[in-house]
């Protein structure tokens, strides 16, 4: 799988961001009858990375380049990069070259796209490392200046500067980096100790320390954002419903082994052939959704759904819950 990332395409007026497959570019051309400027265009090709296939990369990029010229766009070769996604056990050939406007494009193993670091193995470990580094740095800065501000402002700064970066785009990357996300829970605990220096003496359990600030564990935040996204973009009448509805198919109301009450509001669980595929958003979101009580799944108001979901997660906590 190959992605071409083109940045800062020259000319035009209206800015947009899109992923372009073999049919997507033509749809963009058909839909927009005026000139456009693309910040990012992603071209996806499936290859076996055999020598005979490597030439396809150059051919596909030339086709993309020509199609862009026809609608008044020009690739900025100095800022355009490409990345090859491969499984961890495969090695990408070093001799792959793509030429654009007589300039060789830079091949990268990591690329920051809309605030999320993508890596060639697509396991988001590089992004997780950056998140932890930024959180640790900000916690340290807050500890230096905490004497200046009262607790109310310290907590506000911690929420906005530390927590916010930990769950930015969480539903995209956290499932794939799940095995190492305990690092973020440790940083949560460090932030709590920074705010409440005596809290560890008062509360020996991590869960109890979280409750002092009304925080959730990182795993609970992942559940919350995953289910809220599903509710807002698939179940409610939002503009994105038609796009995301293809990810989830409603389950029939009754089957031979299930009653209507236990099955109500469930989605059909997709059949995933690999462990990697089972970490995708649609599979995990459906699994979490189907485990919810019916009164939460059938909630008609989003704000009420959020309240019931949070209360449900807090009730699930027990002495065997997440610790480190």
C-alpha atoms as a PDB file:
ATOM      1  CA  UNK A   1       0.000   0.000   0.000  1.00  0.00           C
ATOM      2  CA  UNK A   2       1.469   3.353  -0.982  1.00  0.00           C
ATOM      3  CA  UNK A   3       0.394   6.832   0.028  1.00  0.00           C
ATOM      4  CA  UNK A   4       1.492   9.977  -1.740  1.00  0.00           C
ATOM      5  CA  UNK A   5       1.246  13.025   0.486  1.00  0.00           C
ATOM      6  CA  UNK A   6       1.297  16.296  -1.420  1.00  0.00           C
ATOM      7  CA  UNK A   7       1.440  19.511   0.557  1.00  0.00           C
ATOM      8  CA  UNK A   8       0.821  23.133  -0.361  1.00  0.00           C
ATOM      9  CA  UNK A   9      -0.321  22.729  -3.935  1.00  0.00           C
ATOM     10  CA  UNK A  10       0.120  26.033  -5.730  1.00  0.00           C
ATOM     11  CA  UNK A  11      -2.555  28.444  -7.022  1.00  0.00           C
ATOM     12  CA  UNK A  12      -6.356  28.331  -6.652  1.00  0.00           C
ATOM     13  CA  UNK A  13      -8.700  29.783  -4.053  1.00  0.00           C
ATOM     14  CA  UNK A  14     -10.837  27.326  -2.080  1.00  0.00           C
ATOM     15  CA  UNK A  15      -9.039  25.029   0.364  1.00  0.00           C
ATOM     16  CA  UNK A  16     -10.059  21.406   0.856  1.00  0.00           C
ATOM     17  CA  UNK A  17      -8.630  18.195   2.274  1.00  0.00           C
ATOM     18  CA  UNK A  18      -9.466  14.808   0.774  1.00  0.00           C
ATOM     19  CA  UNK A  19      -8.363  11.215   0.269  1.00  0.00           C
ATOM     20  CA  UNK A  20      -8.291  10.292  -3.399  1.00  0.00           C
ATOM     21  CA  UNK A  21      -8.673   6.679  -4.565  1.00  0.00           C
ATOM     22  CA  UNK A  22      -8.816   5.568  -8.205  1.00  0.00           C
ATOM     23  CA  UNK A  23     -12.307   7.044  -8.593  1.00  0.00           C
ATOM     24  CA  UNK A  24     -12.111   9.862  -6.055  1.00  0.00           C
ATOM     25  CA  UNK A  25     -10.115  12.324  -8.144  1.00  0.00           C
ATOM     26  CA  UNK A  26     -12.607  12.151 -10.981  1.00  0.00           C
ATOM     27  CA  UNK A  27     -15.467  12.682  -8.508  1.00  0.00           C
ATOM     28  CA  UNK A  28     -13.673  15.795  -7.208  1.00  0.00           C
ATOM     29  CA  UNK A  29     -13.278  17.092 -10.759  1.00  0.00           C
ATOM     30  CA  UNK A  30     -16.930  16.396 -11.556  1.00  0.00           C
ATOM     31  CA  UNK A  31     -18.209  17.947  -8.331  1.00  0.00           C
ATOM     32  CA  UNK A  32     -16.159  21.168  -8.352  1.00  0.00           C
ATOM     33  CA  UNK A  33     -16.508  23.326 -11.425  1.00  0.00           C
ATOM     34  CA  UNK A  34     -14.075  25.936 -10.100  1.00  0.00           C
ATOM     35  CA  UNK A  35     -10.396  25.874  -9.222  1.00  0.00           C
ATOM     36  CA  UNK A  36      -9.353  24.376  -5.915  1.00  0.00           C
ATOM     37  CA  UNK A  37      -6.261  24.243  -3.775  1.00  0.00           C
ATOM     38  CA  UNK A  38      -5.469  20.960  -2.012  1.00  0.00           C
ATOM     39  CA  UNK A  39      -3.500  20.980   1.230  1.00  0.00           C
ATOM     40  CA  UNK A  40      -3.194  17.212   1.173  1.00  0.00           C
ATOM     41  CA  UNK A  41      -3.990  14.603  -1.449  1.00  0.00           C
ATOM     42  CA  UNK A  42      -3.522  10.950  -0.660  1.00  0.00           C
ATOM     43  CA  UNK A  43      -3.122   8.456  -3.498  1.00  0.00           C
ATOM     44  CA  UNK A  44      -3.492   4.824  -2.445  1.00  0.00           C
ATOM     45  CA  UNK A  45      -2.123   1.913  -4.479  1.00  0.00           C
ATOM     46  CA  UNK A  46      -1.961  -1.761  -3.588  1.00  0.00           C
ATOM     47  CA  UNK A  47       1.289  -3.441  -4.569  1.00  0.00           C
ATOM     48  CA  UNK A  48       3.288  -6.558  -3.851  1.00  0.00           C
ATOM     49  CA  UNK A  49       6.509  -4.485  -3.899  1.00  0.00           C
ATOM     50  CA  UNK A  50       8.052  -6.739  -6.528  1.00  0.00           C
ATOM     51  CA  UNK A  51      10.562  -5.177  -8.918  1.00  0.00           C
ATOM     52  CA  UNK A  52       8.021  -5.335 -11.723  1.00  0.00           C
ATOM     53  CA  UNK A  53       5.526  -3.421  -9.590  1.00  0.00           C
ATOM     54  CA  UNK A  54       7.778  -0.569  -8.508  1.00  0.00           C
ATOM     55  CA  UNK A  55       7.384   1.178 -11.860  1.00  0.00           C
ATOM     56  CA  UNK A  56       3.664   1.373 -11.125  1.00  0.00           C
ATOM     57  CA  UNK A  57       4.416   3.960  -8.435  1.00  0.00           C
ATOM     58  CA  UNK A  58       5.925   6.371 -10.938  1.00  0.00           C
ATOM     59  CA  UNK A  59       3.163   5.703 -13.464  1.00  0.00           C
ATOM     60  CA  UNK A  60       0.429   6.311 -10.906  1.00  0.00           C
ATOM     61  CA  UNK A  61       2.030   9.514  -9.695  1.00  0.00           C
ATOM     62  CA  UNK A  62       2.416  10.784 -13.248  1.00  0.00           C
ATOM     63  CA  UNK A  63      -1.272  10.082 -13.819  1.00  0.00           C
ATOM     64  CA  UNK A  64      -2.187  11.957 -10.649  1.00  0.00           C
ATOM     65  CA  UNK A  65       0.090  14.847 -11.619  1.00  0.00           C
ATOM     66  CA  UNK A  66      -1.454  15.100 -15.068  1.00  0.00           C
ATOM     67  CA  UNK A  67      -4.996  14.969 -13.680  1.00  0.00           C
ATOM     68  CA  UNK A  68      -4.188  17.819 -11.317  1.00  0.00           C
ATOM     69  CA  UNK A  69      -2.755  19.935 -14.119  1.00  0.00           C
ATOM     70  CA  UNK A  70      -5.984  19.523 -16.066  1.00  0.00           C
ATOM     71  CA  UNK A  71      -7.924  21.242 -13.271  1.00  0.00           C
ATOM     72  CA  UNK A  72      -5.340  23.981 -12.756  1.00  0.00           C
ATOM     73  CA  UNK A  73      -3.344  22.445  -9.913  1.00  0.00           C
ATOM     74  CA  UNK A  74       0.386  21.971  -9.618  1.00  0.00           C
ATOM     75  CA  UNK A  75       2.351  19.668  -7.309  1.00  0.00           C
ATOM     76  CA  UNK A  76       4.986  21.400  -5.197  1.00  0.00           C
ATOM     77  CA  UNK A  77       7.732  18.792  -5.545  1.00  0.00           C
ATOM     78  CA  UNK A  78       9.901  20.238  -2.780  1.00  0.00           C
ATOM     79  CA  UNK A  79       7.185  19.652  -0.172  1.00  0.00           C
ATOM     80  CA  UNK A  80       5.664  16.445  -1.506  1.00  0.00           C
ATOM     81  CA  UNK A  81       6.575  13.215   0.271  1.00  0.00           C
ATOM     82  CA  UNK A  82       5.517   9.597  -0.070  1.00  0.00           C
ATOM     83  CA  UNK A  83       5.213   6.747   2.376  1.00  0.00           C
ATOM     84  CA  UNK A  84       4.847   2.994   1.919  1.00  0.00           C
ATOM     85  CA  UNK A  85       2.739   1.112   4.445  1.00  0.00           C
ATOM     86  CA  UNK A  86       3.917  -2.453   4.956  1.00  0.00           C
ATOM     87  CA  UNK A  87       3.519  -5.100   7.686  1.00  0.00           C
ATOM     88  CA  UNK A  88       6.236  -5.087  10.329  1.00  0.00           C
ATOM     89  CA  UNK A  89       7.771  -8.328   9.051  1.00  0.00           C
ATOM     90  CA  UNK A  90       8.374  -6.942   5.535  1.00  0.00           C
ATOM     91  CA  UNK A  91      11.190  -4.667   4.408  1.00  0.00           C
ATOM     92  CA  UNK A  92      10.630  -1.846   1.948  1.00  0.00           C
ATOM     93  CA  UNK A  93      13.205  -1.731  -0.894  1.00  0.00           C
ATOM     94  CA  UNK A  94      15.560   1.234  -0.534  1.00  0.00           C
ATOM     95  CA  UNK A  95      15.890   1.890  -4.251  1.00  0.00           C
ATOM     96  CA  UNK A  96      12.293   3.078  -4.779  1.00  0.00           C
ATOM     97  CA  UNK A  97      12.304   6.479  -6.488  1.00  0.00           C
ATOM     98  CA  UNK A  98       9.497   8.747  -7.633  1.00  0.00           C
ATOM     99  CA  UNK A  99      10.295  11.731  -9.827  1.00  0.00           C
ATOM    100  CA  UNK A 100       8.147  14.843 -10.086  1.00  0.00           C
ATOM    101  CA  UNK A 101       9.132  17.872 -12.156  1.00  0.00           C
ATOM    102  CA  UNK A 102      12.681  16.493 -12.465  1.00  0.00           C
ATOM    103  CA  UNK A 103      12.989  16.262  -8.689  1.00  0.00           C
ATOM    104  CA  UNK A 104      13.103  13.071  -6.631  1.00  0.00           C
ATOM    105  CA  UNK A 105      10.380  12.935  -3.965  1.00  0.00           C
ATOM    106  CA  UNK A 106      11.425  12.247  -0.414  1.00  0.00           C
ATOM    107  CA  UNK A 107      10.447   8.855   1.004  1.00  0.00           C
ATOM    108  CA  UNK A 108       9.525   9.026   4.703  1.00  0.00           C
ATOM    109  CA  UNK A 109       8.703   6.481   7.405  1.00  0.00           C
ATOM    110  CA  UNK A 110       6.636   8.904   9.491  1.00  0.00           C
ATOM    111  CA  UNK A 111       4.335  11.695   8.421  1.00  0.00           C
ATOM    112  CA  UNK A 112       2.214  14.069  10.489  1.00  0.00           C
ATOM    113  CA  UNK A 113      -1.252  14.248   8.971  1.00  0.00           C
ATOM    114  CA  UNK A 114      -3.829  16.537  10.609  1.00  0.00           C
ATOM    115  CA  UNK A 115      -2.047  16.260  13.951  1.00  0.00           C
ATOM    116  CA  UNK A 116      -1.603  12.472  13.932  1.00  0.00           C
ATOM    117  CA  UNK A 117       1.759  10.851  13.184  1.00  0.00           C
ATOM    118  CA  UNK A 118       1.373   8.007  10.694  1.00  0.00           C
ATOM    119  CA  UNK A 119       4.185   5.447  10.505  1.00  0.00           C
ATOM    120  CA  UNK A 120       5.036   2.906   7.830  1.00  0.00           C
ATOM    121  CA  UNK A 121       3.935  -0.039  10.020  1.00  0.00           C
ATOM    122  CA  UNK A 122       0.666   1.774  10.808  1.00  0.00           C
ATOM    123  CA  UNK A 123       0.888   0.838  14.510  1.00  0.00           C
ATOM    124  CA  UNK A 124       1.000   4.479  15.710  1.00  0.00           C
ATOM    125  CA  UNK A 125       3.841   3.790  18.122  1.00  0.00           C
ATOM    126  CA  UNK A 126       5.629   6.898  16.876  1.00  0.00           C
ATOM    127  CA  UNK A 127       2.518   8.981  17.529  1.00  0.00           C
ATOM    128  CA  UNK A 128       2.139   7.475  21.006  1.00  0.00           C
ATOM    129  CA  UNK A 129       5.770   8.300  21.793  1.00  0.00           C
ATOM    130  CA  UNK A 130       5.209  11.914  20.734  1.00  0.00           C
ATOM    131  CA  UNK A 131       2.019  12.173  22.773  1.00  0.00           C
ATOM    132  CA  UNK A 132       3.780  10.884  25.897  1.00  0.00           C
ATOM    133  CA  UNK A 133       6.747  13.198  25.341  1.00  0.00           C
ATOM    134  CA  UNK A 134       4.508  16.252  24.953  1.00  0.00           C
ATOM    135  CA  UNK A 135       2.409  15.326  27.975  1.00  0.00           C
ATOM    136  CA  UNK A 136       5.484  14.827  30.151  1.00  0.00           C
ATOM    137  CA  UNK A 137       6.973  18.150  29.013  1.00  0.00           C
ATOM    138  CA  UNK A 138       3.751  20.059  29.758  1.00  0.00           C
ATOM    139  CA  UNK A 139       3.311  18.421  33.152  1.00  0.00           C
ATOM    140  CA  UNK A 140       6.859  19.514  34.007  1.00  0.00           C
ATOM    141  CA  UNK A 141       6.157  23.107  32.925  1.00  0.00           C
ATOM    142  CA  UNK A 142       2.966  23.190  34.973  1.00  0.00           C
ATOM    143  CA  UNK A 143       4.847  21.910  38.033  1.00  0.00           C
ATOM    144  CA  UNK A 144       7.310  24.804  37.722  1.00  0.00           C
ATOM    145  CA  UNK A 145       4.606  27.478  37.680  1.00  0.00           C
ATOM    146  CA  UNK A 146       1.997  25.853  39.910  1.00  0.00           C
ATOM    147  CA  UNK A 147       2.840  28.144  42.848  1.00  0.00           C
ATOM    148  CA  UNK A 148       1.689  31.145  40.824  1.00  0.00           C
ATOM    149  CA  UNK A 149      -1.857  29.966  40.099  1.00  0.00           C
ATOM    150  CA  UNK A 150      -4.654  28.769  42.381  1.00  0.00           C
ATOM    151  CA  UNK A 151      -5.856  25.166  42.085  1.00  0.00           C
ATOM    152  CA  UNK A 152      -8.831  26.086  39.882  1.00  0.00           C
ATOM    153  CA  UNK A 153      -6.546  27.438  37.151  1.00  0.00           C
ATOM    154  CA  UNK A 154      -4.002  24.662  37.556  1.00  0.00           C
ATOM    155  CA  UNK A 155      -6.715  22.094  36.891  1.00  0.00           C
ATOM    156  CA  UNK A 156      -7.967  24.092  33.888  1.00  0.00           C
ATOM    157  CA  UNK A 157      -4.446  24.238  32.427  1.00  0.00           C
ATOM    158  CA  UNK A 158      -3.932  20.517  32.999  1.00  0.00           C
ATOM    159  CA  UNK A 159      -7.222  19.665  31.277  1.00  0.00           C
ATOM    160  CA  UNK A 160      -6.502  21.837  28.257  1.00  0.00           C
ATOM    161  CA  UNK A 161      -2.747  21.325  27.884  1.00  0.00           C
ATOM    162  CA  UNK A 162      -2.266  17.715  29.026  1.00  0.00           C
ATOM    163  CA  UNK A 163      -5.506  15.729  28.758  1.00  0.00           C
ATOM    164  CA  UNK A 164      -6.495  17.261  25.440  1.00  0.00           C
ATOM    165  CA  UNK A 165      -3.443  15.985  23.547  1.00  0.00           C
ATOM    166  CA  UNK A 166      -3.842  12.486  25.015  1.00  0.00           C
ATOM    167  CA  UNK A 167      -7.249  11.930  23.428  1.00  0.00           C
ATOM    168  CA  UNK A 168      -6.895  13.974  20.245  1.00  0.00           C
ATOM    169  CA  UNK A 169      -8.064  11.685  17.398  1.00  0.00           C
ATOM    170  CA  UNK A 170      -8.022   8.859  19.942  1.00  0.00           C
ATOM    171  CA  UNK A 171     -10.397   6.628  17.971  1.00  0.00           C
ATOM    172  CA  UNK A 172      -7.956   6.553  15.046  1.00  0.00           C
ATOM    173  CA  UNK A 173      -4.732   5.565  16.745  1.00  0.00           C
ATOM    174  CA  UNK A 174      -5.379   4.243  20.254  1.00  0.00           C
ATOM    175  CA  UNK A 175      -6.709   0.807  19.269  1.00  0.00           C
ATOM    176  CA  UNK A 176      -3.609   0.056  17.216  1.00  0.00           C
ATOM    177  CA  UNK A 177      -1.269   1.283  19.954  1.00  0.00           C
ATOM    178  CA  UNK A 178      -3.337  -0.312  22.721  1.00  0.00           C
ATOM    179  CA  UNK A 179      -0.583  -2.455  24.234  1.00  0.00           C
ATOM    180  CA  UNK A 180       1.447   0.608  25.237  1.00  0.00           C
ATOM    181  CA  UNK A 181      -1.267   3.066  26.242  1.00  0.00           C
ATOM    182  CA  UNK A 182      -0.667   2.275  29.925  1.00  0.00           C
ATOM    183  CA  UNK A 183       2.100   4.879  29.592  1.00  0.00           C
ATOM    184  CA  UNK A 184      -0.586   7.525  29.284  1.00  0.00           C
ATOM    185  CA  UNK A 185      -2.314   6.335  32.461  1.00  0.00           C
ATOM    186  CA  UNK A 186       1.010   6.739  34.269  1.00  0.00           C
ATOM    187  CA  UNK A 187       1.228  10.313  32.987  1.00  0.00           C
ATOM    188  CA  UNK A 188      -2.352  10.949  34.131  1.00  0.00           C
ATOM    189  CA  UNK A 189      -1.278   9.832  37.603  1.00  0.00           C
ATOM    190  CA  UNK A 190       1.771  12.099  37.429  1.00  0.00           C
ATOM    191  CA  UNK A 191      -0.456  15.049  36.497  1.00  0.00           C
ATOM    192  CA  UNK A 192      -2.796  14.280  39.413  1.00  0.00           C
ATOM    193  CA  UNK A 193       0.136  14.146  41.833  1.00  0.00           C
ATOM    194  CA  UNK A 194       1.321  17.485  40.463  1.00  0.00           C
ATOM    195  CA  UNK A 195      -2.086  19.019  41.209  1.00  0.00           C
ATOM    196  CA  UNK A 196      -2.654  17.231  44.531  1.00  0.00           C
ATOM    197  CA  UNK A 197       0.747  16.441  46.098  1.00  0.00           C
ATOM    198  CA  UNK A 198      -0.739  14.547  49.061  1.00  0.00           C
ATOM    199  CA  UNK A 199      -3.247  12.516  47.064  1.00  0.00           C
ATOM    200  CA  UNK A 200      -1.183   9.304  47.027  1.00  0.00           C
ATOM    201  CA  UNK A 201      -1.185   9.212  50.808  1.00  0.00           C
ATOM    202  CA  UNK A 202      -4.963   9.663  50.904  1.00  0.00           C
ATOM    203  CA  UNK A 203      -5.820   7.370  47.965  1.00  0.00           C
ATOM    204  CA  UNK A 204      -3.711   4.295  47.308  1.00  0.00           C
ATOM    205  CA  UNK A 205      -5.717   3.230  44.242  1.00  0.00           C
ATOM    206  CA  UNK A 206      -5.271   4.936  40.880  1.00  0.00           C
ATOM    207  CA  UNK A 207      -9.036   4.893  40.309  1.00  0.00           C
ATOM    208  CA  UNK A 208      -9.650   6.796  43.544  1.00  0.00           C
ATOM    209  CA  UNK A 209      -7.105   9.423  42.567  1.00  0.00           C
ATOM    210  CA  UNK A 210      -8.850   9.888  39.206  1.00  0.00           C
ATOM    211  CA  UNK A 211     -12.154  10.451  40.966  1.00  0.00           C
ATOM    212  CA  UNK A 212     -10.654  13.347  42.917  1.00  0.00           C
ATOM    213  CA  UNK A 213     -10.507  15.277  39.630  1.00  0.00           C
ATOM    214  CA  UNK A 214     -13.483  13.603  37.937  1.00  0.00           C
ATOM    215  CA  UNK A 215     -11.210  12.075  35.299  1.00  0.00           C
ATOM    216  CA  UNK A 216     -11.479   8.774  33.441  1.00  0.00           C
ATOM    217  CA  UNK A 217      -8.742   6.290  32.623  1.00  0.00           C
ATOM    218  CA  UNK A 218      -7.319   6.455  29.106  1.00  0.00           C
ATOM    219  CA  UNK A 219      -9.151   3.230  28.226  1.00  0.00           C
ATOM    220  CA  UNK A 220     -12.418   4.761  29.421  1.00  0.00           C
ATOM    221  CA  UNK A 221     -11.825   7.893  27.356  1.00  0.00           C
ATOM    222  CA  UNK A 222     -11.277   5.627  24.348  1.00  0.00           C
ATOM    223  CA  UNK A 223     -14.640   3.942  24.973  1.00  0.00           C
ATOM    224  CA  UNK A 224     -16.399   7.281  25.456  1.00  0.00           C
ATOM    225  CA  UNK A 225     -15.067   8.887  22.272  1.00  0.00           C
ATOM    226  CA  UNK A 226     -15.581   5.704  20.242  1.00  0.00           C
ATOM    227  CA  UNK A 227     -19.228   5.371  21.241  1.00  0.00           C
ATOM    228  CA  UNK A 228     -19.983   9.092  21.054  1.00  0.00           C
ATOM    229  CA  UNK A 229     -18.612   9.188  17.509  1.00  0.00           C
ATOM    230  CA  UNK A 230     -20.787   6.236  16.528  1.00  0.00           C
ATOM    231  CA  UNK A 231     -23.881   7.849  18.064  1.00  0.00           C
ATOM    232  CA  UNK A 232     -23.295  11.281  16.492  1.00  0.00           C
ATOM    233  CA  UNK A 233     -22.276  10.162  13.017  1.00  0.00           C
ATOM    234  CA  UNK A 234     -24.214   6.940  12.440  1.00  0.00           C
ATOM    235  CA  UNK A 235     -27.323   6.988  14.614  1.00  0.00           C
ATOM    236  CA  UNK A 236     -28.220  10.675  14.685  1.00  0.00           C
ATOM    237  CA  UNK A 237     -29.396  12.693  11.691  1.00  0.00           C
ATOM    238  CA  UNK A 238     -26.027  14.343  11.016  1.00  0.00           C
ATOM    239  CA  UNK A 239     -24.582  15.356   7.660  1.00  0.00           C
ATOM    240  CA  UNK A 240     -22.017  12.569   7.905  1.00  0.00           C
ATOM    241  CA  UNK A 241     -24.539   9.802   8.495  1.00  0.00           C
ATOM    242  CA  UNK A 242     -24.730   8.697   4.868  1.00  0.00           C
ATOM    243  CA  UNK A 243     -20.938   8.354   4.716  1.00  0.00           C
ATOM    244  CA  UNK A 244     -20.355   6.506   7.999  1.00  0.00           C
ATOM    245  CA  UNK A 245     -23.475   4.331   7.905  1.00  0.00           C
ATOM    246  CA  UNK A 246     -21.666   1.938   5.568  1.00  0.00           C
ATOM    247  CA  UNK A 247     -19.310   1.058   8.444  1.00  0.00           C
ATOM    248  CA  UNK A 248     -22.076  -0.372  10.614  1.00  0.00           C
ATOM    249  CA  UNK A 249     -25.060  -2.535   9.665  1.00  0.00           C
ATOM    250  CA  UNK A 250     -28.000  -2.858  12.002  1.00  0.00           C
ATOM    251  CA  UNK A 251     -28.657  -6.375  13.292  1.00  0.00           C
ATOM    252  CA  UNK A 252     -32.113  -7.922  12.727  1.00  0.00           C
ATOM    253  CA  UNK A 253     -34.405  -7.280  15.681  1.00  0.00           C
ATOM    254  CA  UNK A 254     -34.905 -10.956  16.503  1.00  0.00           C
ATOM    255  CA  UNK A 255     -32.909 -14.138  16.064  1.00  0.00           C
ATOM    256  CA  UNK A 256     -33.477 -17.680  17.215  1.00  0.00           C
ATOM    257  CA  UNK A 257     -31.355 -17.327  20.349  1.00  0.00           C
ATOM    258  CA  UNK A 258     -31.941 -13.688  21.287  1.00  0.00           C
ATOM    259  CA  UNK A 259     -34.963 -11.865  22.607  1.00  0.00           C
ATOM    260  CA  UNK A 260     -36.029  -8.490  21.257  1.00  0.00           C
ATOM    261  CA  UNK A 261     -34.983  -6.676  24.444  1.00  0.00           C
ATOM    262  CA  UNK A 262     -31.395  -8.000  24.484  1.00  0.00           C
ATOM    263  CA  UNK A 263     -30.839  -7.492  20.767  1.00  0.00           C
ATOM    264  CA  UNK A 264     -32.524  -4.108  20.369  1.00  0.00           C
ATOM    265  CA  UNK A 265     -30.266  -1.454  18.830  1.00  0.00           C
ATOM    266  CA  UNK A 266     -27.374  -3.835  18.099  1.00  0.00           C
ATOM    267  CA  UNK A 267     -25.146  -3.798  15.029  1.00  0.00           C
ATOM    268  CA  UNK A 268     -23.934  -6.770  13.045  1.00  0.00           C
ATOM    269  CA  UNK A 269     -20.359  -7.620  14.039  1.00  0.00           C
ATOM    270  CA  UNK A 270     -18.131  -7.695  10.913  1.00  0.00           C
ATOM    271  CA  UNK A 271     -16.032 -10.757  10.255  1.00  0.00           C
ATOM    272  CA  UNK A 272     -12.351  -9.826  10.567  1.00  0.00           C
ATOM    273  CA  UNK A 273      -9.758 -12.216   9.165  1.00  0.00           C
ATOM    274  CA  UNK A 274      -6.685 -10.868  10.981  1.00  0.00           C
ATOM    275  CA  UNK A 275      -5.763  -9.511  14.398  1.00  0.00           C
ATOM    276  CA  UNK A 276      -4.704  -6.247  12.786  1.00  0.00           C
ATOM    277  CA  UNK A 277      -8.098  -5.835  11.105  1.00  0.00           C
ATOM    278  CA  UNK A 278      -9.827  -6.527  14.429  1.00  0.00           C
ATOM    279  CA  UNK A 279      -8.247  -3.337  15.803  1.00  0.00           C
ATOM    280  CA  UNK A 280     -10.069  -1.091  13.332  1.00  0.00           C
ATOM    281  CA  UNK A 281     -12.633   1.445  14.519  1.00  0.00           C
ATOM    282  CA  UNK A 282     -15.763  -0.153  13.051  1.00  0.00           C
ATOM    283  CA  UNK A 283     -15.112  -3.555  14.646  1.00  0.00           C
ATOM    284  CA  UNK A 284     -14.290  -2.202  18.113  1.00  0.00           C
ATOM    285  CA  UNK A 285     -17.068   0.383  18.087  1.00  0.00           C
ATOM    286  CA  UNK A 286     -19.675  -2.273  17.259  1.00  0.00           C
ATOM    287  CA  UNK A 287     -18.332  -4.604  19.950  1.00  0.00           C
ATOM    288  CA  UNK A 288     -18.548  -1.843  22.565  1.00  0.00           C
ATOM    289  CA  UNK A 289     -21.970  -0.700  21.380  1.00  0.00           C
ATOM    290  CA  UNK A 290     -23.500  -4.172  21.501  1.00  0.00           C
ATOM    291  CA  UNK A 291     -22.334  -4.575  25.108  1.00  0.00           C
ATOM    292  CA  UNK A 292     -24.208  -1.465  26.264  1.00  0.00           C
ATOM    293  CA  UNK A 293     -27.518  -1.801  28.149  1.00  0.00           C
ATOM    294  CA  UNK A 294     -30.580  -1.245  25.961  1.00  0.00           C
ATOM    295  CA  UNK A 295     -31.636   1.902  27.817  1.00  0.00           C
ATOM    296  CA  UNK A 296     -28.374   3.573  26.756  1.00  0.00           C
ATOM    297  CA  UNK A 297     -28.503   2.352  23.136  1.00  0.00           C
ATOM    298  CA  UNK A 298     -32.087   3.544  22.722  1.00  0.00           C
ATOM    299  CA  UNK A 299     -31.440   7.026  24.156  1.00  0.00           C
ATOM    300  CA  UNK A 300     -32.795   9.679  21.786  1.00  0.00           C
ATOM    301  CA  UNK A 301     -30.866  12.686  23.121  1.00  0.00           C
ATOM    302  CA  UNK A 302     -27.097  12.978  22.704  1.00  0.00           C
ATOM    303  CA  UNK A 303     -26.477  14.850  25.956  1.00  0.00           C
ATOM    304  CA  UNK A 304     -28.490  12.245  27.862  1.00  0.00           C
ATOM    305  CA  UNK A 305     -26.558   9.518  26.055  1.00  0.00           C
ATOM    306  CA  UNK A 306     -23.263  11.043  27.236  1.00  0.00           C
ATOM    307  CA  UNK A 307     -24.464  11.180  30.841  1.00  0.00           C
ATOM    308  CA  UNK A 308     -25.732   7.593  30.829  1.00  0.00           C
ATOM    309  CA  UNK A 309     -22.589   6.322  29.121  1.00  0.00           C
ATOM    310  CA  UNK A 310     -20.281   7.945  31.666  1.00  0.00           C
ATOM    311  CA  UNK A 311     -22.382   6.618  34.560  1.00  0.00           C
ATOM    312  CA  UNK A 312     -22.262   3.131  33.007  1.00  0.00           C
ATOM    313  CA  UNK A 313     -18.464   3.237  32.737  1.00  0.00           C
ATOM    314  CA  UNK A 314     -18.089   4.336  36.348  1.00  0.00           C
ATOM    315  CA  UNK A 315     -20.324   1.480  37.497  1.00  0.00           C
ATOM    316  CA  UNK A 316     -18.099  -0.989  35.631  1.00  0.00           C
ATOM    317  CA  UNK A 317     -15.130  -0.052  37.788  1.00  0.00           C
ATOM    318  CA  UNK A 318     -14.083  -2.666  40.305  1.00  0.00           C
ATOM    319  CA  UNK A 319     -11.072  -3.701  42.342  1.00  0.00           C
ATOM    320  CA  UNK A 320      -9.864  -5.662  39.312  1.00  0.00           C
ATOM    321  CA  UNK A 321      -9.973  -2.663  36.999  1.00  0.00           C
ATOM    322  CA  UNK A 322      -6.983  -1.070  35.259  1.00  0.00           C
ATOM    323  CA  UNK A 323      -3.915  -0.613  37.471  1.00  0.00           C
ATOM    324  CA  UNK A 324      -0.206  -0.311  36.919  1.00  0.00           C
END
